[in-house]
Amino acid sequence: MARTDTVSERPLPAAVPSAGPIVTFEGARALYLGPALGLKPHRNAAFTLAVGLDAPIRLTLYGDRTGPVASTVSSIALVPAGHHHQLEAEGLVAFLYLDALGDDVRQVRTLDILAAHGVIAAERRDSLSRWGLDRWRTVLGVAVTETVDPRAAAVASAMIGDPDLYPSLAEAARAVELSPSRFHAVFRRQVGAPFRRYKLWRRMGLAMSALASGANLTEAAHGAGFSSSAHFSHQFVRMFGLPPSRLMALKPEIRWM
């Protein structure tokens, strides 16, 4: 397995204790700010930018049918959508899930990791809990622009509020006047994840919104279109690396913008 260790030269100050993690959803973007949680290997539906706030993060990538194929250690880890991976860290972390429909991903691929980490290190730690997604994007130099392909944008944007608007890939393709195979290629290239996985990502957003409103796991699961709380939990572990019950046990503050 290839291994490259690159550690930030500027350590961050000790974390300011907080009441619990903060989970923020804003459109197709999301942010987690809290303890590292010891996540299992998983596969996100969105491009993820992981920031180690107390210590560097180890990112391990896995092959589709093999074990670990690469491992890096850095203050900021970039995880493309759909990659099977594991994030290991200690202390406080921030996970920013980027919007595939904007220019987030293309911008962040050119990120100067040490410079960005230095900007974050210069901030008071207790102020990070008050940062919104716009502030994180500004600090990391991620601009918001239009997507390249309006057909993918039309479908993905419509699914933000209603993941089941298009019951199948074929119906989504028909809505933008493409063949299913062509739509699959366009959507995956533009959004960074297959249609079904993006649909699952939007269901997760609805479930988190319901939890923020006081619903229990079963109510949130059914309201977001999952067949049961067990189905929701299984998909949550596959996408985020831990069961939702474990996250909710930490009494997170869930913000829905």
Protein backbone atom coordinates (compact mmCIF):
# COMPACT_ATOMS: atom_id res chain seq x y z
CA MET A 1 0.00 0.00 0.00
CA ALA A 2 1.33 3.41 -0.91
CA ARG A 3 1.78 5.80 2.03
CA THR A 4 2.52 9.50 2.04
CA ASP A 5 2.68 11.40 5.32
CA THR A 6 2.28 15.17 5.12
CA VAL A 7 1.59 16.91 8.42
CA SER A 8 0.70 20.56 8.97
CA GLU A 9 3.59 22.61 10.27
CA ARG A 10 1.33 24.80 12.37
CA PRO A 11 -0.55 23.04 15.21
CA LEU A 12 -3.91 24.42 16.19
CA PRO A 13 -4.67 25.56 19.76
CA ALA A 14 -6.50 23.26 22.12
CA ALA A 15 -10.17 22.85 21.38
CA VAL A 16 -12.76 24.76 23.32
CA PRO A 17 -15.22 22.21 24.76
CA SER A 18 -18.73 22.45 23.34
CA ALA A 19 -22.11 21.06 24.34
CA GLY A 20 -22.14 18.69 21.40
CA PRO A 21 -21.47 18.37 17.68
CA ILE A 22 -22.96 20.81 15.19
CA VAL A 23 -24.54 19.47 12.00
CA THR A 24 -25.56 22.04 9.39
CA PHE A 25 -27.49 21.44 6.16
CA GLU A 26 -27.80 24.17 3.54
CA GLY A 27 -29.23 23.07 0.20
CA ALA A 28 -26.90 20.40 -1.17
CA ARG A 29 -24.08 21.29 1.24
CA ALA A 30 -23.55 20.03 4.78
CA LEU A 31 -21.10 20.56 7.64
CA TYR A 32 -20.19 18.45 10.66
CA LEU A 33 -18.19 20.08 13.47
CA GLY A 34 -17.43 17.87 16.46
CA PRO A 35 -15.43 14.89 17.73
CA ALA A 36 -13.78 12.54 15.23
CA LEU A 37 -16.09 9.64 16.25
CA GLY A 38 -13.84 6.77 15.08
CA LEU A 39 -15.58 6.33 11.76
CA LYS A 40 -15.65 3.01 9.92
CA PRO A 41 -14.75 2.79 6.21
CA HIS A 42 -17.58 4.28 4.17
CA ARG A 43 -18.48 5.84 0.81
CA ASN A 44 -19.84 9.41 0.71
CA ALA A 45 -22.18 10.71 -1.97
CA ALA A 46 -20.62 14.18 -1.83
CA PHE A 47 -17.06 15.44 -2.21
CA THR A 48 -15.80 15.84 1.37
CA LEU A 49 -13.22 18.23 2.79
CA ALA A 50 -12.07 17.01 6.23
CA VAL A 51 -10.16 19.36 8.55
CA GLY A 52 -8.26 18.13 11.61
CA LEU A 53 -8.68 20.84 14.25
CA ASP A 54 -6.61 19.21 17.02
CA ALA A 55 -4.40 16.82 15.06
CA PRO A 56 -3.77 15.74 11.45
CA ILE A 57 -6.18 13.35 9.75
CA ARG A 58 -5.24 10.02 8.22
CA LEU A 59 -7.12 9.28 5.03
CA THR A 60 -7.07 5.68 3.80
CA LEU A 61 -8.48 4.86 0.37
CA TYR A 62 -9.73 1.36 -0.48
CA GLY A 63 -9.98 -0.39 -3.83
CA ASP A 64 -13.31 -1.78 -4.98
CA ARG A 65 -12.27 -5.39 -4.43
CA THR A 66 -9.06 -4.98 -2.45
CA GLY A 67 -7.88 -3.67 0.88
CA PRO A 68 -6.25 -0.28 1.49
CA VAL A 69 -4.44 1.08 -1.56
CA ALA A 70 -3.20 4.46 -0.29
CA SER A 71 -2.86 6.29 3.01
CA THR A 72 -2.00 9.95 3.64
CA VAL A 73 -1.74 12.13 6.74
CA SER A 74 -2.51 15.83 6.44
CA SER A 75 -4.16 18.75 8.22
CA ILE A 76 -6.84 18.82 5.52
CA ALA A 77 -7.97 15.74 3.58
CA LEU A 78 -9.86 15.84 0.27
CA VAL A 79 -12.17 12.88 -0.41
CA PRO A 80 -13.81 12.68 -3.87
CA ALA A 81 -17.44 11.55 -3.99
CA GLY A 82 -18.00 7.81 -4.27
CA HIS A 83 -14.58 6.74 -2.96
CA HIS A 84 -14.49 3.97 -0.35
CA HIS A 85 -12.36 5.45 2.43
CA GLN A 86 -11.73 5.85 6.14
CA LEU A 87 -10.94 9.04 8.04
CA GLU A 88 -9.02 8.65 11.30
CA ALA A 89 -8.36 11.57 13.65
CA GLU A 90 -8.27 12.61 17.27
CA GLY A 91 -10.07 15.49 18.90
CA LEU A 92 -12.18 18.01 17.01
CA VAL A 93 -12.78 17.77 13.25
CA ALA A 94 -14.78 19.61 10.62
CA PHE A 95 -16.26 17.74 7.64
CA LEU A 96 -17.52 19.97 4.83
CA TYR A 97 -19.67 18.18 2.25
CA LEU A 98 -19.50 20.18 -0.96
CA ASP A 99 -22.17 21.06 -3.51
CA ALA A 100 -21.64 19.16 -6.73
CA LEU A 101 -23.84 21.63 -8.59
CA GLY A 102 -21.66 24.63 -7.85
CA ASP A 103 -17.96 25.11 -8.47
CA ASP A 104 -17.04 23.91 -4.98
CA VAL A 105 -15.28 20.76 -6.13
CA ARG A 106 -13.26 22.33 -8.94
CA GLN A 107 -12.19 25.18 -6.63
CA VAL A 108 -11.17 22.95 -3.74
CA ARG A 109 -9.02 20.71 -5.92
CA THR A 110 -6.61 23.65 -6.22
CA LEU A 111 -6.63 24.31 -2.46
CA ASP A 112 -3.35 25.28 -0.78
CA ILE A 113 -3.74 23.01 2.26
CA LEU A 114 -1.16 24.63 4.53
CA ALA A 115 -2.36 28.16 3.74
CA ALA A 116 -6.01 27.24 4.36
CA HIS A 117 -5.14 25.48 7.60
CA GLY A 118 -3.19 28.56 8.69
CA VAL A 119 -6.26 30.76 8.22
CA ILE A 120 -8.33 28.42 10.35
CA ALA A 121 -5.60 28.27 13.00
CA ALA A 122 -5.65 32.06 13.27
CA GLU A 123 -9.31 32.03 14.32
CA ARG A 124 -10.42 31.70 17.92
CA ARG A 125 -11.57 28.14 18.41
CA ASP A 126 -14.83 29.06 20.08
CA SER A 127 -15.76 31.17 17.05
CA LEU A 128 -15.75 28.11 14.77
CA SER A 129 -19.06 26.94 16.24
CA ARG A 130 -20.64 30.15 14.94
CA TRP A 131 -19.31 29.78 11.40
CA GLY A 132 -21.90 29.06 8.75
CA LEU A 133 -21.23 27.23 5.52
CA ASP A 134 -20.63 30.51 3.69
CA ARG A 135 -17.84 31.36 6.14
CA TRP A 136 -16.16 27.97 5.68
CA ARG A 137 -16.32 28.35 1.90
CA THR A 138 -14.85 31.85 2.09
CA VAL A 139 -11.98 30.79 4.33
CA LEU A 140 -11.19 27.85 2.07
CA GLY A 141 -11.48 29.93 -1.10
CA VAL A 142 -14.42 28.00 -2.53
CA ALA A 143 -16.56 30.21 -4.76
CA VAL A 144 -20.14 29.58 -5.82
CA THR A 145 -20.80 29.52 -9.57
CA GLU A 146 -23.22 27.81 -11.90
CA THR A 147 -22.88 24.20 -12.88
CA VAL A 148 -21.61 23.39 -16.38
CA ASP A 149 -24.51 21.18 -17.50
CA PRO A 150 -28.02 22.59 -16.86
CA ARG A 151 -29.66 19.19 -17.41
CA ALA A 152 -27.93 17.65 -14.40
CA ALA A 153 -28.58 20.84 -12.42
CA ALA A 154 -32.29 20.78 -13.21
CA VAL A 155 -32.75 17.23 -11.92
CA ALA A 156 -30.45 17.49 -8.90
CA SER A 157 -31.88 20.84 -7.78
CA ALA A 158 -35.45 19.54 -8.01
CA MET A 159 -34.48 16.58 -5.82
CA ILE A 160 -33.25 18.75 -2.93
CA GLY A 161 -36.76 19.14 -1.55
CA ASP A 162 -38.21 15.94 -2.97
CA PRO A 163 -35.73 13.07 -3.50
CA ASP A 164 -38.55 10.88 -4.89
CA LEU A 165 -39.67 13.38 -7.52
CA TYR A 166 -38.13 11.06 -10.11
CA PRO A 167 -38.81 7.45 -9.00
CA SER A 168 -36.26 6.09 -11.47
CA LEU A 169 -33.28 7.14 -13.53
CA ALA A 170 -35.34 6.57 -16.68
CA GLU A 171 -37.97 9.09 -15.57
CA ALA A 172 -35.32 11.66 -14.67
CA ALA A 173 -33.71 11.16 -18.08
CA ARG A 174 -37.07 11.60 -19.80
CA ALA A 175 -37.62 14.89 -17.94
CA VAL A 176 -34.50 16.39 -19.54
CA GLU A 177 -34.97 14.62 -22.88
CA LEU A 178 -31.96 12.30 -22.68
CA SER A 179 -31.63 8.55 -23.04
CA PRO A 180 -31.11 6.75 -19.71
CA SER A 181 -27.52 5.82 -20.59
CA ARG A 182 -26.66 9.37 -21.68
CA PHE A 183 -28.32 10.89 -18.61
CA HIS A 184 -26.45 8.47 -16.33
CA ALA A 185 -23.13 9.57 -17.83
CA VAL A 186 -23.96 13.29 -17.73
CA PHE A 187 -25.33 13.20 -14.18
CA ARG A 188 -22.44 11.20 -12.77
CA ARG A 189 -19.82 13.37 -14.47
CA GLN A 190 -21.46 16.60 -13.31
CA VAL A 191 -22.62 15.68 -9.83
CA GLY A 192 -19.78 13.30 -8.98
CA ALA A 193 -22.11 10.52 -7.85
CA PRO A 194 -24.60 8.21 -9.60
CA PHE A 195 -28.27 9.21 -9.68
CA ARG A 196 -29.32 6.66 -7.05
CA ARG A 197 -26.57 7.67 -4.65
CA TYR A 198 -27.37 11.36 -4.98
CA LYS A 199 -31.00 10.50 -4.32
CA LEU A 200 -29.90 8.73 -1.14
CA TRP A 201 -27.85 11.81 -0.14
CA ARG A 202 -30.93 14.01 -0.45
CA ARG A 203 -32.98 11.54 1.61
CA MET A 204 -30.35 11.78 4.33
CA GLY A 205 -30.79 15.54 4.29
CA LEU A 206 -34.55 15.22 4.78
CA ALA A 207 -34.04 12.75 7.61
CA MET A 208 -31.62 15.12 9.37
CA SER A 209 -34.12 17.96 8.91
CA ALA A 210 -36.79 15.85 10.61
CA LEU A 211 -34.43 15.00 13.47
CA ALA A 212 -33.69 18.72 13.85
CA SER A 213 -37.44 19.27 14.23
CA GLY A 214 -37.66 16.76 17.07
CA ALA A 215 -38.61 13.56 15.22
CA ASN A 216 -37.23 10.25 16.48
CA LEU A 217 -35.19 7.97 14.21
CA THR A 218 -38.22 5.94 13.08
CA GLU A 219 -40.25 9.05 12.20
CA ALA A 220 -37.29 10.63 10.41
CA ALA A 221 -36.63 7.46 8.44
CA HIS A 222 -40.21 7.06 7.22
CA GLY A 223 -40.57 10.77 6.48
CA ALA A 224 -37.48 10.67 4.24
CA GLY A 225 -38.68 7.65 2.28
CA PHE A 226 -36.75 4.84 3.97
CA SER A 227 -38.66 1.60 4.44
CA SER A 228 -37.74 1.35 8.13
CA SER A 229 -35.42 2.79 10.77
CA ALA A 230 -33.16 -0.24 10.23
CA HIS A 231 -32.92 0.58 6.51
CA PHE A 232 -32.10 4.21 7.35
CA SER A 233 -29.45 3.15 9.86
CA HIS A 234 -27.86 0.71 7.42
CA GLN A 235 -27.60 3.33 4.69
CA PHE A 236 -26.37 5.96 7.18
CA VAL A 237 -23.47 3.70 8.25
CA ARG A 238 -22.55 3.03 4.62
CA MET A 239 -22.51 6.75 3.83
CA PHE A 240 -21.06 8.28 7.01
CA GLY A 241 -19.28 5.46 8.84
CA LEU A 242 -21.40 5.36 12.02
CA PRO A 243 -25.03 4.63 12.94
CA PRO A 244 -27.36 7.63 13.37
CA SER A 245 -28.20 6.51 16.91
CA ARG A 246 -24.56 7.01 17.89
CA LEU A 247 -24.53 10.51 16.45
CA MET A 248 -27.82 11.46 18.11
CA ALA A 249 -26.56 10.12 21.46
CA LEU A 250 -24.07 13.02 21.41
CA LYS A 251 -27.03 15.43 21.33
CA PRO A 252 -25.91 17.38 18.26
CA GLU A 253 -27.22 20.79 17.39
CA ILE A 254 -28.77 20.33 13.93
CA ARG A 255 -29.11 23.46 11.85
CA TRP A 256 -31.26 23.48 8.72
CA MET A 257 -30.74 26.56 6.55
